[in-house]
Amino acid sequence: MPLDIPAFNNAFNRAYERVHRGARPTDLAAEQQKLRALVPDDASEHDHTWTGQLVDDLAVPPPPPPERSELYKEAVRVHIAVYPPRGTSEEQIAMLEEGRRKIWELADRAEKDEQEDIRAMTEDLKSLEDWLRDPPFPLTDTPFPSSDG
């Protein structure tokens, strides 16, 4: 019987969450045993190898979150201040533009290893700004009309 890869991956992801991010302690050995039981004895050698490696790696703690600079933290604060934007469409656009400008300035002053992460904070702001400038459908304060007229 072949390995059900989606089922194994789904079970592994749930086990990973329980082991590494769960609120309660989890029995690592029991989680690993459950995962190994999902691999049929007659699965290919390749499937036994990669699933075995994942099951073994479940015991390895994840790396700590990266230490972020004050410039990064300030960029987060700017993003929170402008998203979601408030006011009229024009005010929202202006708020998003200003937020993007401030975040880019912070990124320009940041260490090289953080610059792209900081600039990435502007992507959703730019997308929303573009949408506000050219909405895919007319913006109204009323709900969509019903299909029955």
C-alpha atoms as a PDB file:
ATOM      1  CA  MET A   1       0.000   0.000   0.000  1.00  0.00           C
ATOM      2  CA  PRO A   2       1.475   3.384  -0.942  1.00  0.00           C
ATOM      3  CA  LEU A   3       2.064   6.131   1.586  1.00  0.00           C
ATOM      4  CA  ASP A   4      -0.772   8.662   1.841  1.00  0.00           C
ATOM      5  CA  ILE A   5       1.506  11.711   1.589  1.00  0.00           C
ATOM      6  CA  PRO A   6      -1.149  14.399   2.215  1.00  0.00           C
ATOM      7  CA  ALA A   7      -2.424  12.536   5.299  1.00  0.00           C
ATOM      8  CA  PHE A   8       1.119  12.091   6.622  1.00  0.00           C
ATOM      9  CA  ASN A   9       1.997  15.748   6.009  1.00  0.00           C
ATOM     10  CA  ASN A  10      -1.207  16.885   7.683  1.00  0.00           C
ATOM     11  CA  ALA A  11      -0.567  14.651  10.708  1.00  0.00           C
ATOM     12  CA  PHE A  12       3.052  15.816  10.901  1.00  0.00           C
ATOM     13  CA  ASN A  13       2.038  19.487  10.835  1.00  0.00           C
ATOM     14  CA  ARG A  14      -0.516  18.927  13.602  1.00  0.00           C
ATOM     15  CA  ALA A  15       2.063  17.016  15.668  1.00  0.00           C
ATOM     16  CA  TYR A  16       4.634  19.767  15.125  1.00  0.00           C
ATOM     17  CA  GLU A  17       2.165  22.364  16.379  1.00  0.00           C
ATOM     18  CA  ARG A  18       1.365  20.272  19.474  1.00  0.00           C
ATOM     19  CA  VAL A  19       5.024  19.560  20.259  1.00  0.00           C
ATOM     20  CA  HIS A  20       6.539  22.977  19.549  1.00  0.00           C
ATOM     21  CA  ARG A  21       3.721  25.478  19.914  1.00  0.00           C
ATOM     22  CA  GLY A  22       1.120  23.792  22.078  1.00  0.00           C
ATOM     23  CA  ALA A  23       0.002  25.321  25.357  1.00  0.00           C
ATOM     24  CA  ARG A  24       0.324  21.975  27.136  1.00  0.00           C
ATOM     25  CA  PRO A  25       3.338  19.637  27.234  1.00  0.00           C
ATOM     26  CA  THR A  26       3.058  16.866  24.666  1.00  0.00           C
ATOM     27  CA  ASP A  27       4.497  13.346  24.739  1.00  0.00           C
ATOM     28  CA  LEU A  28       7.088  13.525  21.945  1.00  0.00           C
ATOM     29  CA  ALA A  29       7.602   9.753  21.791  1.00  0.00           C
ATOM     30  CA  ALA A  30       3.861   9.142  21.436  1.00  0.00           C
ATOM     31  CA  GLU A  31       3.608  11.728  18.652  1.00  0.00           C
ATOM     32  CA  GLN A  32       6.533  10.120  16.821  1.00  0.00           C
ATOM     33  CA  GLN A  33       4.993   6.659  17.234  1.00  0.00           C
ATOM     34  CA  LYS A  34       1.685   7.841  15.727  1.00  0.00           C
ATOM     35  CA  LEU A  35       3.513   9.297  12.739  1.00  0.00           C
ATOM     36  CA  ARG A  36       5.565   6.163  12.153  1.00  0.00           C
ATOM     37  CA  ALA A  37       2.351   4.126  12.228  1.00  0.00           C
ATOM     38  CA  LEU A  38       1.104   6.119   9.231  1.00  0.00           C
ATOM     39  CA  VAL A  39       3.917   4.745   7.038  1.00  0.00           C
ATOM     40  CA  PRO A  40       2.938   1.349   5.647  1.00  0.00           C
ATOM     41  CA  ASP A  41       5.510  -1.438   6.043  1.00  0.00           C
ATOM     42  CA  ASP A  42       5.549  -1.928   2.286  1.00  0.00           C
ATOM     43  CA  ALA A  43       6.099   1.778   1.505  1.00  0.00           C
ATOM     44  CA  SER A  44       9.087   2.541  -0.673  1.00  0.00           C
ATOM     45  CA  GLU A  45      12.554   2.926   0.826  1.00  0.00           C
ATOM     46  CA  HIS A  46      12.444   6.579  -0.230  1.00  0.00           C
ATOM     47  CA  ASP A  47       9.185   7.138   1.689  1.00  0.00           C
ATOM     48  CA  HIS A  48      10.578   5.387   4.767  1.00  0.00           C
ATOM     49  CA  THR A  49      13.690   7.585   4.611  1.00  0.00           C
ATOM     50  CA  TRP A  50      12.081  11.014   4.294  1.00  0.00           C
ATOM     51  CA  THR A  51       9.244  10.319   6.719  1.00  0.00           C
ATOM     52  CA  GLY A  52      11.703   8.828   9.223  1.00  0.00           C
ATOM     53  CA  GLN A  53      13.838  11.956   8.988  1.00  0.00           C
ATOM     54  CA  LEU A  54      10.831  14.201   9.594  1.00  0.00           C
ATOM     55  CA  VAL A  55       9.718  12.100  12.552  1.00  0.00           C
ATOM     56  CA  ASP A  56      13.229  12.238  14.039  1.00  0.00           C
ATOM     57  CA  ASP A  57      13.426  15.999  13.402  1.00  0.00           C
ATOM     58  CA  LEU A  58      10.261  16.487  15.435  1.00  0.00           C
ATOM     59  CA  ALA A  59      12.512  16.217  18.503  1.00  0.00           C
ATOM     60  CA  VAL A  60      14.670  19.156  17.388  1.00  0.00           C
ATOM     61  CA  PRO A  61      13.440  22.419  18.924  1.00  0.00           C
ATOM     62  CA  PRO A  62      12.754  25.218  16.451  1.00  0.00           C
ATOM     63  CA  PRO A  63      15.233  28.081  16.349  1.00  0.00           C
ATOM     64  CA  PRO A  64      14.410  31.069  18.518  1.00  0.00           C
ATOM     65  CA  PRO A  65      12.711  33.960  16.776  1.00  0.00           C
ATOM     66  CA  PRO A  66      15.200  36.447  15.363  1.00  0.00           C
ATOM     67  CA  GLU A  67      16.153  39.414  17.491  1.00  0.00           C
ATOM     68  CA  ARG A  68      14.728  42.480  15.819  1.00  0.00           C
ATOM     69  CA  SER A  69      16.257  45.942  15.848  1.00  0.00           C
ATOM     70  CA  GLU A  70      14.531  49.089  17.057  1.00  0.00           C
ATOM     71  CA  LEU A  71      14.193  50.173  13.414  1.00  0.00           C
ATOM     72  CA  TYR A  72      12.285  46.963  12.634  1.00  0.00           C
ATOM     73  CA  LYS A  73      10.055  47.450  15.675  1.00  0.00           C
ATOM     74  CA  GLU A  74       9.402  51.053  14.649  1.00  0.00           C
ATOM     75  CA  ALA A  75       8.420  49.864  11.156  1.00  0.00           C
ATOM     76  CA  VAL A  76       5.932  47.465  12.757  1.00  0.00           C
ATOM     77  CA  ARG A  77       4.477  50.338  14.792  1.00  0.00           C
ATOM     78  CA  VAL A  78       4.136  52.457  11.627  1.00  0.00           C
ATOM     79  CA  HIS A  79       2.391  49.571   9.840  1.00  0.00           C
ATOM     80  CA  ILE A  80      -0.029  49.087  12.728  1.00  0.00           C
ATOM     81  CA  ALA A  81      -0.789  52.816  12.752  1.00  0.00           C
ATOM     82  CA  VAL A  82      -1.774  52.938   9.077  1.00  0.00           C
ATOM     83  CA  TYR A  83      -3.391  49.531   8.552  1.00  0.00           C
ATOM     84  CA  PRO A  84      -6.261  49.414   8.205  1.00  0.00           C
ATOM     85  CA  PRO A  85      -6.442  53.020   7.022  1.00  0.00           C
ATOM     86  CA  ARG A  86      -9.260  55.301   8.115  1.00  0.00           C
ATOM     87  CA  GLY A  87     -11.177  58.150   6.517  1.00  0.00           C
ATOM     88  CA  THR A  88     -12.216  58.864   2.970  1.00  0.00           C
ATOM     89  CA  SER A  89     -10.574  57.047   0.095  1.00  0.00           C
ATOM     90  CA  GLU A  90      -8.252  60.015  -0.440  1.00  0.00           C
ATOM     91  CA  GLU A  91      -7.343  60.103   3.265  1.00  0.00           C
ATOM     92  CA  GLN A  92      -6.733  56.366   3.261  1.00  0.00           C
ATOM     93  CA  ILE A  93      -4.468  56.634   0.215  1.00  0.00           C
ATOM     94  CA  ALA A  94      -2.528  59.451   1.846  1.00  0.00           C
ATOM     95  CA  MET A  95      -2.216  57.457   5.079  1.00  0.00           C
ATOM     96  CA  LEU A  96      -0.935  54.401   3.202  1.00  0.00           C
ATOM     97  CA  GLU A  97       1.518  56.470   1.120  1.00  0.00           C
ATOM     98  CA  GLU A  98       2.922  58.117   4.240  1.00  0.00           C
ATOM     99  CA  GLY A  99       3.210  54.782   6.030  1.00  0.00           C
ATOM    100  CA  ARG A 100       5.050  53.230   3.090  1.00  0.00           C
ATOM    101  CA  ARG A 101       7.389  56.232   2.891  1.00  0.00           C
ATOM    102  CA  LYS A 102       8.221  56.018   6.618  1.00  0.00           C
ATOM    103  CA  ILE A 103       8.793  52.261   6.462  1.00  0.00           C
ATOM    104  CA  TRP A 104      11.121  52.606   3.447  1.00  0.00           C
ATOM    105  CA  GLU A 105      13.090  55.301   5.291  1.00  0.00           C
ATOM    106  CA  LEU A 106      13.466  52.966   8.258  1.00  0.00           C
ATOM    107  CA  ALA A 107      14.565  50.139   5.948  1.00  0.00           C
ATOM    108  CA  ASP A 108      17.187  52.395   4.353  1.00  0.00           C
ATOM    109  CA  ARG A 109      18.696  53.008   7.800  1.00  0.00           C
ATOM    110  CA  ALA A 110      18.527  49.343   8.899  1.00  0.00           C
ATOM    111  CA  GLU A 111      21.254  46.729   8.797  1.00  0.00           C
ATOM    112  CA  LYS A 112      21.493  44.899   5.464  1.00  0.00           C
ATOM    113  CA  ASP A 113      20.078  41.657   6.913  1.00  0.00           C
ATOM    114  CA  GLU A 114      16.839  43.399   7.981  1.00  0.00           C
ATOM    115  CA  GLN A 115      16.245  45.768   5.101  1.00  0.00           C
ATOM    116  CA  GLU A 116      14.209  43.406   2.924  1.00  0.00           C
ATOM    117  CA  ASP A 117      12.116  42.188   5.865  1.00  0.00           C
ATOM    118  CA  ILE A 118      11.246  45.790   6.711  1.00  0.00           C
ATOM    119  CA  ARG A 119      10.485  46.705   3.098  1.00  0.00           C
ATOM    120  CA  ALA A 120       8.223  43.651   2.832  1.00  0.00           C
ATOM    121  CA  MET A 121       5.922  45.328   5.360  1.00  0.00           C
ATOM    122  CA  THR A 122       4.915  47.777   2.631  1.00  0.00           C
ATOM    123  CA  GLU A 123       3.607  45.160   0.181  1.00  0.00           C
ATOM    124  CA  ASP A 124       0.103  44.876   1.622  1.00  0.00           C
ATOM    125  CA  LEU A 125      -0.029  48.659   2.059  1.00  0.00           C
ATOM    126  CA  LYS A 126       0.822  49.152  -1.624  1.00  0.00           C
ATOM    127  CA  SER A 127      -1.741  46.549  -2.703  1.00  0.00           C
ATOM    128  CA  LEU A 128      -4.487  48.251  -0.731  1.00  0.00           C
ATOM    129  CA  GLU A 129      -3.410  51.665  -1.997  1.00  0.00           C
ATOM    130  CA  ASP A 130      -3.557  50.411  -5.599  1.00  0.00           C
ATOM    131  CA  TRP A 131      -6.979  48.894  -4.952  1.00  0.00           C
ATOM    132  CA  LEU A 132      -8.250  52.183  -3.495  1.00  0.00           C
ATOM    133  CA  ARG A 133      -6.918  54.107  -6.504  1.00  0.00           C
ATOM    134  CA  ASP A 134      -8.500  51.733  -9.033  1.00  0.00           C
ATOM    135  CA  PRO A 135     -11.106  49.494  -7.389  1.00  0.00           C
ATOM    136  CA  PRO A 136     -12.155  46.391  -9.314  1.00  0.00           C
ATOM    137  CA  PHE A 137     -15.781  47.403  -8.763  1.00  0.00           C
ATOM    138  CA  PRO A 138     -17.482  50.638  -7.609  1.00  0.00           C
ATOM    139  CA  LEU A 139     -17.162  51.381  -3.901  1.00  0.00           C
ATOM    140  CA  THR A 140     -20.460  52.044  -2.144  1.00  0.00           C
ATOM    141  CA  ASP A 141     -21.749  52.123   1.401  1.00  0.00           C
ATOM    142  CA  THR A 142     -24.716  49.976   0.451  1.00  0.00           C
ATOM    143  CA  PRO A 143     -24.808  46.194   0.234  1.00  0.00           C
ATOM    144  CA  PHE A 144     -24.723  44.442  -3.091  1.00  0.00           C
ATOM    145  CA  PRO A 145     -28.116  44.325  -4.806  1.00  0.00           C
ATOM    146  CA  SER A 146     -30.001  41.085  -4.511  1.00  0.00           C
ATOM    147  CA  SER A 147     -30.103  38.730  -7.476  1.00  0.00           C
ATOM    148  CA  ASP A 148     -33.884  38.903  -7.672  1.00  0.00           C
ATOM    149  CA  GLY A 149     -33.870  42.561  -8.658  1.00  0.00           C
END
